[in-house]
Amino acid sequence: MSFASVYPHYITKAEKKGRTKAEVDEIIRWLTGYSQEKLEAQLNEQIDFETFFAEAPHLNSSRALIKGVICGIRVEDVKEPTMQEIRYLDKLIDELAKGKAMEKILRKP
């Protein structure tokens, strides 16, 4: 599955709850270290999630602070590395859609 095929669903989920594409992009940039330009380039290339995360400039070390359940699975317990990164992103988008403040989503002190 390509990252680009799932990305519109992240946007839709956020926008249904009054959040924005810019906020979704900010979350993705925070998690992966991509610039906005590089993020858009990755979307245009239709790469899969494994490549998307493997090519990420800098996976945020604070992502280990992301805890909770998404799709019935505790994100901190996922063993497969790529799937855990996907679940981290899913959880952050879920928090956005639930109205959580960006400072809390981005695990700022």
N, C-alpha and C. Protein backbone atom coordinates (compact mmCIF):
# COMPACT_ATOMS: atom_id res chain seq x y z
N MET A 1 0.85 -1.17 0.00
CA MET A 1 0.00 0.00 0.00
C MET A 1 0.90 1.24 0.00
N SER A 2 0.57 2.18 -0.84
CA SER A 2 1.40 3.38 -0.92
C SER A 2 0.97 4.40 0.14
N PHE A 3 1.94 5.14 0.61
CA PHE A 3 1.67 6.22 1.56
C PHE A 3 0.70 7.21 0.92
N ALA A 4 0.92 7.51 -0.36
CA ALA A 4 0.09 8.49 -1.07
C ALA A 4 -1.38 8.05 -1.15
N SER A 5 -1.64 6.75 -1.15
CA SER A 5 -3.03 6.29 -1.23
C SER A 5 -3.75 6.43 0.12
N VAL A 6 -3.01 6.46 1.22
CA VAL A 6 -3.60 6.59 2.55
C VAL A 6 -3.67 8.06 3.00
N TYR A 7 -2.73 8.84 2.54
CA TYR A 7 -2.64 10.25 2.92
C TYR A 7 -3.96 11.01 2.78
N PRO A 8 -4.70 10.89 1.67
CA PRO A 8 -5.98 11.61 1.57
C PRO A 8 -6.97 11.23 2.68
N HIS A 9 -6.88 9.99 3.16
CA HIS A 9 -7.77 9.56 4.25
C HIS A 9 -7.41 10.27 5.56
N TYR A 10 -6.11 10.50 5.77
CA TYR A 10 -5.69 11.27 6.94
C TYR A 10 -6.28 12.68 6.87
N ILE A 11 -6.20 13.29 5.69
CA ILE A 11 -6.72 14.65 5.50
C ILE A 11 -8.23 14.67 5.74
N THR A 12 -8.93 13.73 5.14
CA THR A 12 -10.39 13.66 5.30
C THR A 12 -10.78 13.49 6.75
N LYS A 13 -10.10 12.59 7.45
CA LYS A 13 -10.41 12.36 8.86
C LYS A 13 -10.23 13.64 9.67
N ALA A 14 -9.15 14.35 9.42
CA ALA A 14 -8.89 15.60 10.14
C ALA A 14 -9.92 16.67 9.79
N GLU A 15 -10.18 16.84 8.50
CA GLU A 15 -11.09 17.90 8.06
C GLU A 15 -12.53 17.67 8.53
N LYS A 16 -12.94 16.42 8.65
CA LYS A 16 -14.29 16.12 9.15
C LYS A 16 -14.48 16.64 10.57
N LYS A 17 -13.37 16.77 11.29
CA LYS A 17 -13.42 17.23 12.68
C LYS A 17 -12.93 18.67 12.83
N GLY A 18 -12.90 19.41 11.70
CA GLY A 18 -12.55 20.81 11.76
C GLY A 18 -11.06 21.10 11.82
N ARG A 19 -10.22 20.11 11.57
CA ARG A 19 -8.78 20.31 11.55
C ARG A 19 -8.34 20.49 10.10
N THR A 20 -7.05 20.73 9.87
CA THR A 20 -6.60 21.11 8.53
C THR A 20 -5.53 20.19 7.97
N LYS A 21 -5.37 20.27 6.65
CA LYS A 21 -4.29 19.57 5.95
C LYS A 21 -2.95 20.04 6.49
N ALA A 22 -2.84 21.34 6.76
CA ALA A 22 -1.58 21.89 7.29
C ALA A 22 -1.21 21.22 8.61
N GLU A 23 -2.20 20.94 9.45
CA GLU A 23 -1.92 20.28 10.73
C GLU A 23 -1.48 18.83 10.50
N VAL A 24 -2.13 18.15 9.55
CA VAL A 24 -1.73 16.78 9.21
C VAL A 24 -0.28 16.79 8.73
N ASP A 25 0.04 17.72 7.84
CA ASP A 25 1.41 17.81 7.32
C ASP A 25 2.41 18.11 8.43
N GLU A 26 2.02 18.98 9.37
CA GLU A 26 2.91 19.30 10.48
C GLU A 26 3.21 18.06 11.32
N ILE A 27 2.20 17.26 11.56
CA ILE A 27 2.38 16.02 12.31
C ILE A 27 3.34 15.09 11.57
N ILE A 28 3.13 14.93 10.28
CA ILE A 28 3.98 14.03 9.49
C ILE A 28 5.42 14.55 9.48
N ARG A 29 5.59 15.85 9.31
CA ARG A 29 6.94 16.42 9.32
C ARG A 29 7.60 16.22 10.68
N TRP A 30 6.85 16.42 11.77
CA TRP A 30 7.38 16.23 13.12
C TRP A 30 7.84 14.78 13.31
N LEU A 31 7.01 13.85 12.86
CA LEU A 31 7.32 12.43 13.05
C LEU A 31 8.52 11.97 12.23
N THR A 32 8.65 12.48 11.02
CA THR A 32 9.62 11.94 10.07
C THR A 32 10.83 12.81 9.77
N GLY A 33 10.72 14.10 10.01
CA GLY A 33 11.81 15.01 9.68
C GLY A 33 11.80 15.49 8.23
N TYR A 34 10.79 15.08 7.46
CA TYR A 34 10.69 15.58 6.08
C TYR A 34 10.38 17.07 6.09
N SER A 35 10.92 17.80 5.13
CA SER A 35 10.48 19.17 4.89
C SER A 35 9.16 19.07 4.13
N GLN A 36 8.44 20.19 4.01
CA GLN A 36 7.19 20.16 3.26
C GLN A 36 7.44 19.77 1.81
N GLU A 37 8.53 20.27 1.23
CA GLU A 37 8.85 19.96 -0.17
C GLU A 37 9.15 18.47 -0.36
N LYS A 38 9.92 17.91 0.57
CA LYS A 38 10.27 16.48 0.47
C LYS A 38 9.04 15.61 0.71
N LEU A 39 8.18 16.03 1.62
CA LEU A 39 6.94 15.30 1.87
C LEU A 39 6.10 15.26 0.60
N GLU A 40 5.95 16.39 -0.06
CA GLU A 40 5.17 16.44 -1.30
C GLU A 40 5.83 15.60 -2.40
N ALA A 41 7.15 15.59 -2.44
CA ALA A 41 7.85 14.76 -3.43
C ALA A 41 7.58 13.28 -3.17
N GLN A 42 7.58 12.88 -1.90
CA GLN A 42 7.30 11.48 -1.56
C GLN A 42 5.87 11.12 -1.96
N LEU A 43 4.94 12.03 -1.75
CA LEU A 43 3.56 11.78 -2.15
C LEU A 43 3.45 11.61 -3.66
N ASN A 44 4.17 12.43 -4.41
CA ASN A 44 4.13 12.35 -5.87
C ASN A 44 4.74 11.07 -6.41
N GLU A 45 5.68 10.49 -5.67
CA GLU A 45 6.36 9.27 -6.13
C GLU A 45 5.58 7.99 -5.84
N GLN A 46 4.49 8.11 -5.09
CA GLN A 46 3.63 6.94 -4.80
C GLN A 46 4.41 5.81 -4.11
N ILE A 47 5.33 6.17 -3.22
CA ILE A 47 6.13 5.15 -2.54
C ILE A 47 5.31 4.43 -1.47
N ASP A 48 5.76 3.25 -1.10
CA ASP A 48 5.06 2.50 -0.05
C ASP A 48 5.48 3.02 1.33
N PHE A 49 4.75 2.59 2.36
CA PHE A 49 5.04 3.05 3.71
C PHE A 49 6.45 2.67 4.15
N GLU A 50 6.88 1.47 3.80
CA GLU A 50 8.21 1.02 4.21
C GLU A 50 9.29 1.97 3.69
N THR A 51 9.20 2.33 2.41
CA THR A 51 10.16 3.27 1.82
C THR A 51 10.00 4.65 2.43
N PHE A 52 8.77 5.08 2.64
CA PHE A 52 8.51 6.40 3.22
C PHE A 52 9.22 6.55 4.56
N PHE A 53 9.09 5.55 5.43
CA PHE A 53 9.73 5.64 6.73
C PHE A 53 11.23 5.35 6.65
N ALA A 54 11.65 4.46 5.77
CA ALA A 54 13.07 4.16 5.61
C ALA A 54 13.85 5.38 5.12
N GLU A 55 13.23 6.19 4.28
CA GLU A 55 13.89 7.38 3.72
C GLU A 55 13.68 8.64 4.56
N ALA A 56 12.95 8.51 5.66
CA ALA A 56 12.69 9.68 6.51
C ALA A 56 14.02 10.26 7.00
N PRO A 57 14.18 11.57 6.87
CA PRO A 57 15.44 12.20 7.26
C PRO A 57 15.79 12.01 8.74
N HIS A 58 14.77 12.07 9.61
CA HIS A 58 15.04 11.95 11.05
C HIS A 58 13.75 11.56 11.77
N LEU A 59 13.64 10.29 12.14
CA LEU A 59 12.47 9.88 12.90
C LEU A 59 12.58 10.48 14.29
N ASN A 60 11.56 11.19 14.70
CA ASN A 60 11.58 11.93 15.96
C ASN A 60 11.72 10.98 17.15
N SER A 61 12.71 11.23 17.98
CA SER A 61 12.93 10.35 19.14
C SER A 61 11.77 10.42 20.13
N SER A 62 11.02 11.50 20.12
CA SER A 62 9.87 11.63 21.02
C SER A 62 8.70 10.75 20.61
N ARG A 63 8.80 10.09 19.46
CA ARG A 63 7.69 9.22 19.04
C ARG A 63 7.51 8.06 20.01
N ALA A 64 8.56 7.73 20.77
CA ALA A 64 8.45 6.67 21.78
C ALA A 64 7.47 7.05 22.88
N LEU A 65 7.14 8.34 22.98
CA LEU A 65 6.16 8.80 23.97
C LEU A 65 4.73 8.57 23.52
N ILE A 66 4.54 8.16 22.27
CA ILE A 66 3.19 7.91 21.74
C ILE A 66 2.71 6.58 22.29
N LYS A 67 1.63 6.65 23.05
CA LYS A 67 1.07 5.46 23.68
C LYS A 67 -0.42 5.40 23.38
N GLY A 68 -0.99 4.22 23.53
CA GLY A 68 -2.42 4.09 23.39
C GLY A 68 -2.80 3.04 22.37
N VAL A 69 -4.10 2.95 22.13
CA VAL A 69 -4.64 1.92 21.27
C VAL A 69 -5.14 2.55 19.97
N ILE A 70 -4.79 1.91 18.87
CA ILE A 70 -5.31 2.30 17.56
C ILE A 70 -5.64 1.01 16.83
N CYS A 71 -6.82 0.93 16.27
CA CYS A 71 -7.28 -0.29 15.60
C CYS A 71 -7.19 -1.50 16.53
N GLY A 72 -7.45 -1.28 17.82
CA GLY A 72 -7.46 -2.37 18.78
C GLY A 72 -6.09 -2.88 19.20
N ILE A 73 -5.04 -2.17 18.81
CA ILE A 73 -3.67 -2.61 19.10
C ILE A 73 -2.95 -1.49 19.83
N ARG A 74 -2.23 -1.85 20.91
CA ARG A 74 -1.42 -0.86 21.62
C ARG A 74 -0.21 -0.52 20.76
N VAL A 75 -0.05 0.75 20.41
CA VAL A 75 1.03 1.15 19.50
C VAL A 75 2.40 0.83 20.08
N GLU A 76 2.55 0.94 21.39
CA GLU A 76 3.85 0.69 21.99
C GLU A 76 4.23 -0.80 22.00
N ASP A 77 3.27 -1.68 21.72
CA ASP A 77 3.54 -3.12 21.72
C ASP A 77 3.78 -3.71 20.33
N VAL A 78 3.63 -2.90 19.29
CA VAL A 78 3.82 -3.40 17.92
C VAL A 78 5.30 -3.74 17.72
N LYS A 79 5.58 -4.95 17.28
CA LYS A 79 6.97 -5.42 17.16
C LYS A 79 7.60 -5.10 15.80
N GLU A 80 6.81 -5.17 14.73
CA GLU A 80 7.36 -4.95 13.39
C GLU A 80 7.61 -3.45 13.21
N PRO A 81 8.86 -3.04 12.93
CA PRO A 81 9.22 -1.62 12.92
C PRO A 81 8.38 -0.73 11.99
N THR A 82 8.18 -1.14 10.75
CA THR A 82 7.41 -0.30 9.84
C THR A 82 5.97 -0.19 10.30
N MET A 83 5.39 -1.29 10.75
CA MET A 83 4.01 -1.25 11.24
C MET A 83 3.90 -0.35 12.47
N GLN A 84 4.92 -0.36 13.32
CA GLN A 84 4.87 0.52 14.49
C GLN A 84 4.90 1.99 14.06
N GLU A 85 5.71 2.32 13.06
CA GLU A 85 5.74 3.71 12.56
C GLU A 85 4.38 4.11 11.99
N ILE A 86 3.76 3.20 11.26
CA ILE A 86 2.43 3.46 10.70
C ILE A 86 1.43 3.70 11.83
N ARG A 87 1.49 2.87 12.85
CA ARG A 87 0.56 3.00 13.99
C ARG A 87 0.82 4.30 14.76
N TYR A 88 2.09 4.70 14.88
CA TYR A 88 2.38 6.00 15.51
C TYR A 88 1.67 7.11 14.74
N LEU A 89 1.82 7.08 13.42
CA LEU A 89 1.20 8.11 12.59
C LEU A 89 -0.32 8.04 12.71
N ASP A 90 -0.88 6.85 12.66
CA ASP A 90 -2.33 6.68 12.81
C ASP A 90 -2.81 7.28 14.14
N LYS A 91 -2.07 7.01 15.21
CA LYS A 91 -2.44 7.50 16.53
C LYS A 91 -2.40 9.03 16.58
N LEU A 92 -1.37 9.63 15.99
CA LEU A 92 -1.27 11.09 15.98
C LEU A 92 -2.42 11.72 15.21
N ILE A 93 -2.78 11.14 14.06
CA ILE A 93 -3.90 11.66 13.27
C ILE A 93 -5.21 11.48 14.04
N ASP A 94 -5.34 10.37 14.73
CA ASP A 94 -6.52 10.12 15.56
C ASP A 94 -6.64 11.18 16.66
N GLU A 95 -5.52 11.49 17.30
CA GLU A 95 -5.52 12.52 18.35
C GLU A 95 -5.91 13.88 17.76
N LEU A 96 -5.43 14.19 16.57
CA LEU A 96 -5.79 15.43 15.89
C LEU A 96 -7.30 15.48 15.67
N ALA A 97 -7.84 14.39 15.13
CA ALA A 97 -9.27 14.34 14.83
C ALA A 97 -10.13 14.41 16.09
N LYS A 98 -9.56 13.99 17.21
CA LYS A 98 -10.31 14.05 18.48
C LYS A 98 -10.20 15.41 19.16
N GLY A 99 -9.50 16.34 18.50
CA GLY A 99 -9.46 17.70 19.02
C GLY A 99 -8.33 18.01 19.98
N LYS A 100 -7.39 17.12 20.10
CA LYS A 100 -6.26 17.35 21.00
C LYS A 100 -5.42 18.53 20.50
N ALA A 101 -4.86 19.29 21.42
CA ALA A 101 -4.02 20.44 21.06
C ALA A 101 -2.74 19.96 20.38
N MET A 102 -2.27 20.73 19.40
CA MET A 102 -1.06 20.36 18.66
C MET A 102 0.14 20.19 19.58
N GLU A 103 0.27 21.01 20.61
CA GLU A 103 1.41 20.89 21.52
C GLU A 103 1.43 19.50 22.17
N LYS A 104 0.26 19.01 22.51
CA LYS A 104 0.17 17.68 23.14
C LYS A 104 0.42 16.58 22.11
N ILE A 105 -0.14 16.74 20.92
CA ILE A 105 0.06 15.75 19.85
C ILE A 105 1.55 15.61 19.54
N LEU A 106 2.24 16.75 19.48
CA LEU A 106 3.67 16.75 19.13
C LEU A 106 4.56 16.54 20.36
N ARG A 107 3.94 16.13 21.46
CA ARG A 107 4.65 15.75 22.68
C ARG A 107 5.62 16.84 23.13
N LYS A 108 5.13 18.10 23.11
CA LYS A 108 5.96 19.21 23.58
C LYS A 108 5.78 19.37 25.08
N PRO A 109 6.88 19.63 25.80
CA PRO A 109 6.77 19.75 27.28
C PRO A 109 6.00 21.00 27.69
